[in-house]
C-alpha atoms as a PDB file:
ATOM      1  CA  UNK A   1       0.000   0.000   0.000  1.00  0.00           C
ATOM      2  CA  UNK A   2       1.402   3.377  -0.929  1.00  0.00           C
ATOM      3  CA  UNK A   3       0.846   6.622   0.953  1.00  0.00           C
ATOM      4  CA  UNK A   4      -1.640   7.902  -1.653  1.00  0.00           C
ATOM      5  CA  UNK A   5      -4.042   4.954  -1.401  1.00  0.00           C
ATOM      6  CA  UNK A   6      -6.995   6.221   0.664  1.00  0.00           C
ATOM      7  CA  UNK A   7      -9.247   3.174   0.160  1.00  0.00           C
ATOM      8  CA  UNK A   8      -7.699   1.320   3.130  1.00  0.00           C
ATOM      9  CA  UNK A   9      -7.062   4.380   5.267  1.00  0.00           C
ATOM     10  CA  UNK A  10      -9.728   5.179   7.846  1.00  0.00           C
ATOM     11  CA  UNK A  11     -10.577   8.876   8.035  1.00  0.00           C
ATOM     12  CA  UNK A  12     -12.201  10.700  10.932  1.00  0.00           C
ATOM     13  CA  UNK A  13     -15.402  12.615  10.255  1.00  0.00           C
ATOM     14  CA  UNK A  14     -15.038  16.355  10.830  1.00  0.00           C
ATOM     15  CA  UNK A  15     -18.261  16.746  12.832  1.00  0.00           C
ATOM     16  CA  UNK A  16     -19.293  14.861  15.953  1.00  0.00           C
ATOM     17  CA  UNK A  17     -21.246  11.852  14.752  1.00  0.00           C
ATOM     18  CA  UNK A  18     -22.881   9.099  16.752  1.00  0.00           C
ATOM     19  CA  UNK A  19     -23.254   5.580  15.435  1.00  0.00           C
ATOM     20  CA  UNK A  20     -25.121   2.709  17.038  1.00  0.00           C
ATOM     21  CA  UNK A  21     -24.612  -1.067  17.081  1.00  0.00           C
ATOM     22  CA  UNK A  22     -27.459  -3.181  18.441  1.00  0.00           C
ATOM     23  CA  UNK A  23     -27.645  -6.855  19.321  1.00  0.00           C
ATOM     24  CA  UNK A  24     -31.087  -8.006  18.136  1.00  0.00           C
ATOM     25  CA  UNK A  25     -33.506 -10.598  19.401  1.00  0.00           C
ATOM     26  CA  UNK A  26     -33.421 -13.256  16.634  1.00  0.00           C
ATOM     27  CA  UNK A  27     -37.200 -13.769  16.583  1.00  0.00           C
ATOM     28  CA  UNK A  28     -38.609 -10.255  16.878  1.00  0.00           C
ATOM     29  CA  UNK A  29     -35.531  -8.285  15.722  1.00  0.00           C
ATOM     30  CA  UNK A  30     -35.877  -5.943  18.710  1.00  0.00           C
ATOM     31  CA  UNK A  31     -32.743  -4.546  20.361  1.00  0.00           C
ATOM     32  CA  UNK A  32     -31.471  -6.565  23.326  1.00  0.00           C
ATOM     33  CA  UNK A  33     -28.334  -4.503  23.882  1.00  0.00           C
ATOM     34  CA  UNK A  34     -27.147  -1.203  22.393  1.00  0.00           C
ATOM     35  CA  UNK A  35     -23.671   0.275  22.041  1.00  0.00           C
ATOM     36  CA  UNK A  36     -23.280   3.953  21.063  1.00  0.00           C
ATOM     37  CA  UNK A  37     -20.071   5.435  19.708  1.00  0.00           C
ATOM     38  CA  UNK A  38     -19.138   9.041  19.016  1.00  0.00           C
ATOM     39  CA  UNK A  39     -16.284  10.261  16.789  1.00  0.00           C
ATOM     40  CA  UNK A  40     -14.943   6.786  16.018  1.00  0.00           C
ATOM     41  CA  UNK A  41     -13.174   5.611  12.892  1.00  0.00           C
ATOM     42  CA  UNK A  42     -13.276   1.918  13.755  1.00  0.00           C
ATOM     43  CA  UNK A  43     -15.557  -0.356  15.790  1.00  0.00           C
ATOM     44  CA  UNK A  44     -14.443  -3.926  16.457  1.00  0.00           C
ATOM     45  CA  UNK A  45     -16.939  -6.746  17.065  1.00  0.00           C
ATOM     46  CA  UNK A  46     -16.234 -10.190  18.476  1.00  0.00           C
ATOM     47  CA  UNK A  47     -15.582 -12.410  21.482  1.00  0.00           C
ATOM     48  CA  UNK A  48     -12.360 -10.670  22.545  1.00  0.00           C
ATOM     49  CA  UNK A  49     -12.284  -8.880  25.907  1.00  0.00           C
ATOM     50  CA  UNK A  50     -10.744  -5.716  24.503  1.00  0.00           C
ATOM     51  CA  UNK A  51     -13.177  -5.201  21.601  1.00  0.00           C
ATOM     52  CA  UNK A  52     -15.698  -2.374  21.291  1.00  0.00           C
ATOM     53  CA  UNK A  53     -18.670  -4.738  20.927  1.00  0.00           C
ATOM     54  CA  UNK A  54     -18.031  -7.874  22.959  1.00  0.00           C
ATOM     55  CA  UNK A  55     -20.350 -10.815  22.240  1.00  0.00           C
ATOM     56  CA  UNK A  56     -19.973 -14.133  24.039  1.00  0.00           C
ATOM     57  CA  UNK A  57     -21.270 -16.695  21.569  1.00  0.00           C
ATOM     58  CA  UNK A  58     -19.869 -19.972  20.244  1.00  0.00           C
ATOM     59  CA  UNK A  59     -20.340 -18.827  16.621  1.00  0.00           C
ATOM     60  CA  UNK A  60     -18.434 -15.575  17.132  1.00  0.00           C
ATOM     61  CA  UNK A  61     -14.704 -15.316  16.449  1.00  0.00           C
ATOM     62  CA  UNK A  62     -12.353 -13.389  18.748  1.00  0.00           C
ATOM     63  CA  UNK A  63     -12.321 -10.605  16.144  1.00  0.00           C
ATOM     64  CA  UNK A  64     -15.324 -11.354  13.944  1.00  0.00           C
ATOM     65  CA  UNK A  65     -16.168  -8.075  12.213  1.00  0.00           C
ATOM     66  CA  UNK A  66     -15.154  -4.460  12.061  1.00  0.00           C
ATOM     67  CA  UNK A  67     -16.896  -1.290  11.046  1.00  0.00           C
ATOM     68  CA  UNK A  68     -14.410   1.102   9.502  1.00  0.00           C
ATOM     69  CA  UNK A  69     -14.941   4.710   8.444  1.00  0.00           C
ATOM     70  CA  UNK A  70     -13.278   5.381   5.083  1.00  0.00           C
ATOM     71  CA  UNK A  71     -13.711   8.711   3.320  1.00  0.00           C
ATOM     72  CA  UNK A  72     -16.935   9.553   5.198  1.00  0.00           C
ATOM     73  CA  UNK A  73     -18.382   6.075   4.423  1.00  0.00           C
ATOM     74  CA  UNK A  74     -18.823   3.251   6.928  1.00  0.00           C
ATOM     75  CA  UNK A  75     -17.663  -0.154   5.678  1.00  0.00           C
ATOM     76  CA  UNK A  76     -18.680  -3.462   7.304  1.00  0.00           C
ATOM     77  CA  UNK A  77     -15.684  -5.815   7.117  1.00  0.00           C
ATOM     78  CA  UNK A  78     -15.755  -9.556   7.826  1.00  0.00           C
ATOM     79  CA  UNK A  79     -12.755 -10.673   9.900  1.00  0.00           C
ATOM     80  CA  UNK A  80     -13.959 -13.969  11.410  1.00  0.00           C
ATOM     81  CA  UNK A  81     -13.690 -17.571  10.322  1.00  0.00           C
ATOM     82  CA  UNK A  82     -17.499 -18.017  10.124  1.00  0.00           C
ATOM     83  CA  UNK A  83     -17.983 -14.845   8.086  1.00  0.00           C
ATOM     84  CA  UNK A  84     -20.611 -12.102   8.117  1.00  0.00           C
ATOM     85  CA  UNK A  85     -23.953 -12.435   6.362  1.00  0.00           C
ATOM     86  CA  UNK A  86     -26.241  -9.649   5.203  1.00  0.00           C
ATOM     87  CA  UNK A  87     -29.553 -11.341   4.529  1.00  0.00           C
ATOM     88  CA  UNK A  88     -28.409 -14.719   3.228  1.00  0.00           C
ATOM     89  CA  UNK A  89     -25.356 -13.365   1.405  1.00  0.00           C
ATOM     90  CA  UNK A  90     -21.851 -13.660   2.873  1.00  0.00           C
ATOM     91  CA  UNK A  91     -19.824 -10.462   2.560  1.00  0.00           C
ATOM     92  CA  UNK A  92     -16.169  -9.576   2.899  1.00  0.00           C
ATOM     93  CA  UNK A  93     -16.675  -5.802   2.765  1.00  0.00           C
ATOM     94  CA  UNK A  94     -19.914  -3.870   2.438  1.00  0.00           C
ATOM     95  CA  UNK A  95     -20.400  -0.083   2.267  1.00  0.00           C
ATOM     96  CA  UNK A  96     -23.146   0.927   4.702  1.00  0.00           C
ATOM     97  CA  UNK A  97     -25.547   3.698   3.718  1.00  0.00           C
ATOM     98  CA  UNK A  98     -27.704   4.454   6.740  1.00  0.00           C
ATOM     99  CA  UNK A  99     -28.446   1.113   8.336  1.00  0.00           C
ATOM    100  CA  UNK A 100     -27.573  -2.552   7.886  1.00  0.00           C
ATOM    101  CA  UNK A 101     -28.650  -5.713   9.707  1.00  0.00           C
ATOM    102  CA  UNK A 102     -26.088  -8.513   9.666  1.00  0.00           C
ATOM    103  CA  UNK A 103     -25.397 -11.906  11.239  1.00  0.00           C
ATOM    104  CA  UNK A 104     -22.075 -13.109  12.628  1.00  0.00           C
ATOM    105  CA  UNK A 105     -21.784 -16.516  10.965  1.00  0.00           C
ATOM    106  CA  UNK A 106     -24.672 -18.520   9.540  1.00  0.00           C
ATOM    107  CA  UNK A 107     -26.099 -19.339  12.977  1.00  0.00           C
ATOM    108  CA  UNK A 108     -24.600 -16.556  15.074  1.00  0.00           C
ATOM    109  CA  UNK A 109     -26.105 -13.442  16.635  1.00  0.00           C
ATOM    110  CA  UNK A 110     -27.953 -10.786  14.659  1.00  0.00           C
ATOM    111  CA  UNK A 111     -26.765  -7.169  14.831  1.00  0.00           C
ATOM    112  CA  UNK A 112     -27.828  -3.843  13.395  1.00  0.00           C
ATOM    113  CA  UNK A 113     -25.531  -0.927  12.625  1.00  0.00           C
ATOM    114  CA  UNK A 114     -26.924   2.572  12.182  1.00  0.00           C
ATOM    115  CA  UNK A 115     -24.816   5.539  11.150  1.00  0.00           C
ATOM    116  CA  UNK A 116     -26.865   7.888  13.302  1.00  0.00           C
ATOM    117  CA  UNK A 117     -29.582   9.012  10.913  1.00  0.00           C
ATOM    118  CA  UNK A 118     -32.335   7.127  12.802  1.00  0.00           C
ATOM    119  CA  UNK A 119     -30.624   6.767  16.175  1.00  0.00           C
ATOM    120  CA  UNK A 120     -33.462   8.223  18.256  1.00  0.00           C
ATOM    121  CA  UNK A 121     -36.125   6.133  16.525  1.00  0.00           C
ATOM    122  CA  UNK A 122     -34.189   2.882  16.987  1.00  0.00           C
ATOM    123  CA  UNK A 123     -33.513   3.423  20.672  1.00  0.00           C
ATOM    124  CA  UNK A 124     -36.952   4.713  21.659  1.00  0.00           C
ATOM    125  CA  UNK A 125     -38.990   2.886  24.251  1.00  0.00           C
ATOM    126  CA  UNK A 126     -42.677   2.325  23.720  1.00  0.00           C
ATOM    127  CA  UNK A 127     -44.478   4.208  26.484  1.00  0.00           C
ATOM    128  CA  UNK A 128     -48.144   4.853  27.234  1.00  0.00           C
ATOM    129  CA  UNK A 129     -50.457   5.541  30.163  1.00  0.00           C
ATOM    130  CA  UNK A 130     -52.226   2.264  30.923  1.00  0.00           C
ATOM    131  CA  UNK A 131     -54.889   4.053  32.996  1.00  0.00           C
ATOM    132  CA  UNK A 132     -56.288   5.768  29.921  1.00  0.00           C
ATOM    133  CA  UNK A 133     -56.762   2.546  27.942  1.00  0.00           C
ATOM    134  CA  UNK A 134     -59.718   0.337  28.935  1.00  0.00           C
ATOM    135  CA  UNK A 135     -58.892  -3.347  29.294  1.00  0.00           C
ATOM    136  CA  UNK A 136     -62.200  -4.367  27.744  1.00  0.00           C
ATOM    137  CA  UNK A 137     -65.222  -2.594  26.359  1.00  0.00           C
ATOM    138  CA  UNK A 138     -68.399  -4.157  27.744  1.00  0.00           C
ATOM    139  CA  UNK A 139     -71.826  -3.739  26.204  1.00  0.00           C
ATOM    140  CA  UNK A 140     -73.922  -3.702  29.392  1.00  0.00           C
ATOM    141  CA  UNK A 141     -77.242  -4.182  27.539  1.00  0.00           C
ATOM    142  CA  UNK A 142     -75.860  -7.277  25.793  1.00  0.00           C
ATOM    143  CA  UNK A 143     -74.573  -8.669  29.094  1.00  0.00           C
ATOM    144  CA  UNK A 144     -77.975  -8.206  30.780  1.00  0.00           C
ATOM    145  CA  UNK A 145     -79.727  -9.866  27.839  1.00  0.00           C
ATOM    146  CA  UNK A 146     -77.421 -12.889  27.982  1.00  0.00           C
ATOM    147  CA  UNK A 147     -77.710 -13.192  31.767  1.00  0.00           C
ATOM    148  CA  UNK A 148     -81.513 -13.134  31.473  1.00  0.00           C
ATOM    149  CA  UNK A 149     -81.415 -15.874  28.830  1.00  0.00           C
ATOM    150  CA  UNK A 150     -79.171 -18.066  30.971  1.00  0.00           C
ATOM    151  CA  UNK A 151     -81.085 -17.608  34.242  1.00  0.00           C
ATOM    152  CA  UNK A 152     -84.477 -18.212  32.647  1.00  0.00           C
ATOM    153  CA  UNK A 153     -83.333 -21.457  31.041  1.00  0.00           C
ATOM    154  CA  UNK A 154     -84.848 -24.666  32.497  1.00  0.00           C
ATOM    155  CA  UNK A 155     -81.421 -26.302  32.991  1.00  0.00           C
ATOM    156  CA  UNK A 156     -80.167 -23.329  35.036  1.00  0.00           C
ATOM    157  CA  UNK A 157     -83.326 -23.380  37.159  1.00  0.00           C
ATOM    158  CA  UNK A 158     -82.786 -27.112  37.922  1.00  0.00           C
ATOM    159  CA  UNK A 159     -79.130 -26.490  38.848  1.00  0.00           C
ATOM    160  CA  UNK A 160     -80.124 -23.653  41.148  1.00  0.00           C
ATOM    161  CA  UNK A 161     -82.771 -25.837  42.845  1.00  0.00           C
ATOM    162  CA  UNK A 162     -80.241 -28.707  43.287  1.00  0.00           C
ATOM    163  CA  UNK A 163     -77.686 -26.309  44.813  1.00  0.00           C
ATOM    164  CA  UNK A 164     -80.266 -25.139  47.382  1.00  0.00           C
ATOM    165  CA  UNK A 165     -81.076 -28.765  48.311  1.00  0.00           C
ATOM    166  CA  UNK A 166     -77.394 -29.617  48.785  1.00  0.00           C
ATOM    167  CA  UNK A 167     -76.864 -26.534  50.992  1.00  0.00           C
ATOM    168  CA  UNK A 168     -79.854 -27.499  53.166  1.00  0.00           C
ATOM    169  CA  UNK A 169     -78.549 -31.063  53.523  1.00  0.00           C
ATOM    170  CA  UNK A 170     -75.098 -29.834  54.477  1.00  0.00           C
ATOM    171  CA  UNK A 171     -76.458 -27.446  57.128  1.00  0.00           C
ATOM    172  CA  UNK A 172     -78.839 -30.045  58.635  1.00  0.00           C
ATOM    173  CA  UNK A 173     -76.050 -32.570  59.282  1.00  0.00           C
END
């Protein structure tokens, strides 16, 4: 590599920029854990203790992937033995425009990288006032109608009579 080759040289962004890496639930693709980084040119991902994103998983290599900033463009780089998959496609290097979801190995954990454009939306927590939302809407007229039908039924009347007899027998003993 010569000194003029900028394709392999990470460059720092001039302005303060925050990027986010999230470990996702494999079923619902909701964030389980979130790492935020500001003014970084490289983010390492793997099993190693000294990495930026440490993931303890049998499918993850010590240094499995790296996100590198090159000429104001984030690049996802596969560094592990089991590779990195975006969708079902293995990648060696992939320019990231905005957001990318990727898997470490074919059966490893699922992660999402966001370059900061939707950071607030991705880290928001769903919040609402439970008191203002009724648990169930009950049609009182319909309930009264159904209760009347049940209590006027011959079978119900027989059950009610039998219950009274059993109570009397129990009290007389």
